[in-house]
N, C-alpha and C. Protein backbone atom coordinates (compact mmCIF):
# COMPACT_ATOMS: atom_id res chain seq x y z
N MET A 1 118.94 75.82 74.38
CA MET A 1 119.13 76.82 73.35
C MET A 1 118.60 76.27 72.03
N ALA A 2 118.09 77.16 71.20
CA ALA A 2 117.50 76.76 69.92
C ALA A 2 118.57 76.21 68.99
N GLN A 3 118.22 75.15 68.26
CA GLN A 3 119.16 74.49 67.36
C GLN A 3 118.91 74.85 65.89
N HIS A 4 117.64 75.07 65.56
CA HIS A 4 117.29 75.34 64.16
C HIS A 4 117.08 76.83 63.94
N LYS A 5 117.22 77.22 62.69
CA LYS A 5 117.06 78.62 62.34
C LYS A 5 115.66 79.13 62.68
N SER A 6 114.66 78.31 62.39
CA SER A 6 113.28 78.71 62.67
C SER A 6 113.03 78.80 64.18
N ALA A 7 113.67 77.94 64.95
CA ALA A 7 113.52 77.98 66.41
C ALA A 7 114.18 79.23 66.98
N GLU A 8 115.30 79.64 66.39
CA GLU A 8 115.97 80.86 66.84
C GLU A 8 115.09 82.07 66.56
N LYS A 9 114.47 82.10 65.38
CA LYS A 9 113.58 83.20 65.04
C LYS A 9 112.37 83.21 65.97
N ARG A 10 111.83 82.04 66.25
CA ARG A 10 110.68 81.94 67.15
C ARG A 10 111.05 82.47 68.54
N ALA A 11 112.24 82.17 69.02
CA ALA A 11 112.69 82.66 70.32
C ALA A 11 112.78 84.18 70.32
N ARG A 12 113.30 84.75 69.24
CA ARG A 12 113.39 86.21 69.14
C ARG A 12 112.00 86.85 69.12
N SER A 13 111.11 86.30 68.31
CA SER A 13 109.78 86.89 68.20
C SER A 13 109.00 86.73 69.50
N ASN A 14 109.20 85.59 70.18
CA ASN A 14 108.53 85.40 71.47
C ASN A 14 108.99 86.42 72.49
N ALA A 15 110.27 86.72 72.48
CA ALA A 15 110.81 87.70 73.43
C ALA A 15 110.22 89.09 73.18
N SER A 16 110.12 89.49 71.92
CA SER A 16 109.57 90.82 71.63
C SER A 16 108.08 90.87 71.94
N LYS A 17 107.36 89.79 71.64
CA LYS A 17 105.93 89.75 71.95
C LYS A 17 105.70 89.76 73.46
N ASN A 18 106.59 89.10 74.20
CA ASN A 18 106.47 89.07 75.65
C ASN A 18 106.59 90.47 76.23
N VAL A 19 107.53 91.25 75.72
CA VAL A 19 107.71 92.63 76.19
C VAL A 19 106.47 93.46 75.88
N ARG A 20 105.95 93.33 74.67
CA ARG A 20 104.78 94.10 74.26
C ARG A 20 103.56 93.71 75.10
N ASN A 21 103.36 92.40 75.28
CA ASN A 21 102.19 91.94 76.04
C ASN A 21 102.27 92.36 77.50
N ARG A 22 103.47 92.30 78.09
CA ARG A 22 103.63 92.71 79.49
C ARG A 22 103.32 94.19 79.66
N ALA A 23 103.77 95.00 78.72
CA ALA A 23 103.51 96.44 78.79
C ALA A 23 102.01 96.70 78.69
N TYR A 24 101.33 96.01 77.79
CA TYR A 24 99.90 96.22 77.63
C TYR A 24 99.14 95.76 78.86
N LEU A 25 99.53 94.60 79.39
CA LEU A 25 98.87 94.07 80.57
C LEU A 25 99.07 95.00 81.77
N SER A 26 100.23 95.63 81.83
CA SER A 26 100.49 96.59 82.90
C SER A 26 99.54 97.77 82.81
N SER A 27 99.28 98.25 81.60
CA SER A 27 98.35 99.38 81.44
C SER A 27 96.93 98.98 81.81
N VAL A 28 96.57 97.73 81.53
CA VAL A 28 95.25 97.22 81.91
C VAL A 28 95.13 97.21 83.43
N ARG A 29 96.15 96.69 84.09
CA ARG A 29 96.13 96.63 85.56
C ARG A 29 96.08 98.02 86.18
N THR A 30 96.79 98.96 85.59
CA THR A 30 96.80 100.33 86.10
C THR A 30 95.41 100.95 85.98
N ALA A 31 94.74 100.73 84.85
CA ALA A 31 93.40 101.28 84.65
C ALA A 31 92.42 100.69 85.66
N ILE A 32 92.54 99.39 85.92
CA ILE A 32 91.65 98.73 86.89
C ILE A 32 91.91 99.28 88.29
N LYS A 33 93.19 99.46 88.62
CA LYS A 33 93.54 99.98 89.95
C LYS A 33 93.02 101.39 90.14
N LYS A 34 93.13 102.23 89.11
CA LYS A 34 92.61 103.60 89.18
C LYS A 34 91.10 103.58 89.45
N LEU A 35 90.40 102.70 88.76
CA LEU A 35 88.95 102.59 88.93
C LEU A 35 88.60 102.14 90.34
N ARG A 36 89.31 101.14 90.83
CA ARG A 36 89.01 100.62 92.17
C ARG A 36 89.30 101.66 93.26
N THR A 37 90.40 102.40 93.12
CA THR A 37 90.70 103.42 94.13
C THR A 37 89.70 104.57 94.06
N ALA A 38 89.26 104.93 92.87
CA ALA A 38 88.25 105.98 92.73
C ALA A 38 86.93 105.54 93.34
N ALA A 39 86.58 104.26 93.15
CA ALA A 39 85.34 103.75 93.73
C ALA A 39 85.43 103.73 95.25
N ALA A 40 86.60 103.37 95.78
CA ALA A 40 86.78 103.34 97.23
C ALA A 40 86.74 104.74 97.82
N ALA A 41 87.19 105.74 97.05
CA ALA A 41 87.19 107.13 97.51
C ALA A 41 85.85 107.81 97.27
N LYS A 42 84.89 107.06 96.74
CA LYS A 42 83.54 107.58 96.48
C LYS A 42 83.57 108.80 95.56
N GLU A 43 84.25 108.64 94.42
CA GLU A 43 84.31 109.71 93.41
C GLU A 43 82.95 109.88 92.75
N SER A 44 82.82 110.92 91.91
CA SER A 44 81.55 111.19 91.24
C SER A 44 81.24 110.12 90.21
N GLU A 45 79.97 110.03 89.87
CA GLU A 45 79.53 109.03 88.89
C GLU A 45 80.17 109.26 87.53
N GLU A 46 80.34 110.53 87.15
CA GLU A 46 80.93 110.84 85.84
C GLU A 46 82.36 110.34 85.76
N LYS A 47 83.12 110.57 86.83
CA LYS A 47 84.52 110.14 86.84
C LYS A 47 84.60 108.61 86.83
N LEU A 48 83.75 107.96 87.63
CA LEU A 48 83.74 106.49 87.66
C LEU A 48 83.35 105.93 86.30
N GLY A 49 82.39 106.58 85.67
CA GLY A 49 81.96 106.12 84.34
C GLY A 49 83.07 106.22 83.31
N ALA A 50 83.82 107.32 83.37
CA ALA A 50 84.92 107.50 82.42
C ALA A 50 86.03 106.48 82.67
N LEU A 51 86.35 106.26 83.94
CA LEU A 51 87.38 105.27 84.28
C LEU A 51 86.94 103.86 83.90
N PHE A 52 85.65 103.57 84.10
CA PHE A 52 85.12 102.26 83.75
C PHE A 52 85.19 102.04 82.24
N THR A 53 84.83 103.06 81.47
CA THR A 53 84.87 102.94 80.02
C THR A 53 86.29 102.67 79.53
N GLN A 54 87.26 103.36 80.13
CA GLN A 54 88.65 103.15 79.75
C GLN A 54 89.12 101.74 80.11
N ALA A 55 88.82 101.29 81.31
CA ALA A 55 89.23 99.95 81.73
C ALA A 55 88.55 98.88 80.87
N GLN A 56 87.28 99.08 80.58
CA GLN A 56 86.54 98.12 79.75
C GLN A 56 87.14 98.04 78.36
N SER A 57 87.51 99.18 77.80
CA SER A 57 88.09 99.22 76.47
C SER A 57 89.43 98.49 76.44
N LEU A 58 90.27 98.75 77.44
CA LEU A 58 91.58 98.09 77.50
C LEU A 58 91.44 96.58 77.67
N LEU A 59 90.50 96.17 78.51
CA LEU A 59 90.29 94.73 78.72
C LEU A 59 89.78 94.06 77.45
N ALA A 60 88.85 94.69 76.76
CA ALA A 60 88.32 94.11 75.53
C ALA A 60 89.41 94.02 74.46
N ARG A 61 90.25 95.04 74.38
CA ARG A 61 91.33 95.02 73.41
C ARG A 61 92.36 93.94 73.75
N ALA A 62 92.63 93.75 75.04
CA ALA A 62 93.57 92.71 75.45
C ALA A 62 93.03 91.33 75.09
N ALA A 63 91.73 91.14 75.24
CA ALA A 63 91.12 89.87 74.88
C ALA A 63 91.16 89.66 73.37
N LYS A 64 90.93 90.73 72.63
CA LYS A 64 90.94 90.64 71.17
C LYS A 64 92.33 90.27 70.66
N ARG A 65 93.36 90.79 71.33
CA ARG A 65 94.74 90.51 70.93
C ARG A 65 95.30 89.23 71.56
N ASN A 66 94.47 88.48 72.26
CA ASN A 66 94.86 87.23 72.92
C ASN A 66 95.93 87.43 73.99
N ILE A 67 95.93 88.59 74.62
CA ILE A 67 96.83 88.80 75.74
C ILE A 67 96.23 88.14 76.98
N ILE A 68 94.91 88.25 77.13
CA ILE A 68 94.18 87.51 78.14
C ILE A 68 93.03 86.79 77.45
N HIS A 69 92.49 85.79 78.11
CA HIS A 69 91.39 85.03 77.53
C HIS A 69 90.12 85.88 77.52
N LYS A 70 89.26 85.66 76.54
CA LYS A 70 88.05 86.48 76.42
C LYS A 70 87.13 86.32 77.63
N ASN A 71 87.08 85.12 78.20
CA ASN A 71 86.24 84.93 79.38
C ASN A 71 86.82 85.65 80.60
N ASN A 72 88.14 85.71 80.67
CA ASN A 72 88.81 86.45 81.74
C ASN A 72 88.45 87.93 81.64
N ALA A 73 88.53 88.47 80.45
CA ALA A 73 88.18 89.89 80.24
C ALA A 73 86.72 90.13 80.58
N SER A 74 85.86 89.25 80.15
CA SER A 74 84.43 89.39 80.41
C SER A 74 84.14 89.35 81.91
N ARG A 75 84.79 88.44 82.61
CA ARG A 75 84.60 88.32 84.05
C ARG A 75 85.07 89.58 84.77
N ARG A 76 86.22 90.10 84.38
CA ARG A 76 86.75 91.31 85.01
C ARG A 76 85.85 92.51 84.74
N ILE A 77 85.36 92.63 83.51
CA ILE A 77 84.46 93.74 83.17
C ILE A 77 83.19 93.64 84.00
N GLY A 78 82.66 92.43 84.13
CA GLY A 78 81.44 92.23 84.93
C GLY A 78 81.63 92.60 86.38
N ARG A 79 82.77 92.22 86.93
CA ARG A 79 83.04 92.53 88.33
C ARG A 79 83.24 94.04 88.55
N LEU A 80 83.87 94.69 87.58
CA LEU A 80 84.03 96.14 87.69
C LEU A 80 82.68 96.84 87.58
N ALA A 81 81.83 96.35 86.69
CA ALA A 81 80.49 96.94 86.54
C ALA A 81 79.69 96.77 87.83
N GLN A 82 79.84 95.60 88.44
CA GLN A 82 79.16 95.32 89.71
C GLN A 82 79.66 96.27 90.80
N LEU A 83 80.97 96.53 90.81
CA LEU A 83 81.57 97.46 91.77
C LEU A 83 81.01 98.86 91.58
N ILE A 84 80.94 99.30 90.34
CA ILE A 84 80.41 100.65 90.04
C ILE A 84 78.96 100.76 90.47
N LYS A 85 78.19 99.72 90.17
CA LYS A 85 76.77 99.74 90.51
C LYS A 85 76.56 99.79 92.02
N SER A 86 77.39 99.08 92.78
CA SER A 86 77.22 99.06 94.23
C SER A 86 77.67 100.36 94.88
N THR A 87 78.64 101.05 94.29
CA THR A 87 79.14 102.29 94.91
C THR A 87 78.27 103.50 94.54
N THR A 88 77.55 103.44 93.43
CA THR A 88 76.76 104.61 93.03
C THR A 88 75.38 104.62 93.66
N ARG A 89 75.01 103.59 94.35
CA ARG A 89 73.69 103.58 94.99
C ARG A 89 73.61 104.47 96.18
């Protein structure tokens, strides 16, 4: 347990940030899952493009906010783009 006043405040702020980050990361995962299931179901290019744009935006924002590492976001975006490219051929 925290002994100092500043450590107690840090524990409180960490807890609130953890809740916020988990919620955001959950939305990122949901967007990726929607895109992957749409690609597996061979949806139209327009729908895949819209889902990809949304997932890419969420991933970039998560990297900007340091929820995930920027290289992690870049790698995921690249793999999703590769998935879209292979399914639209």
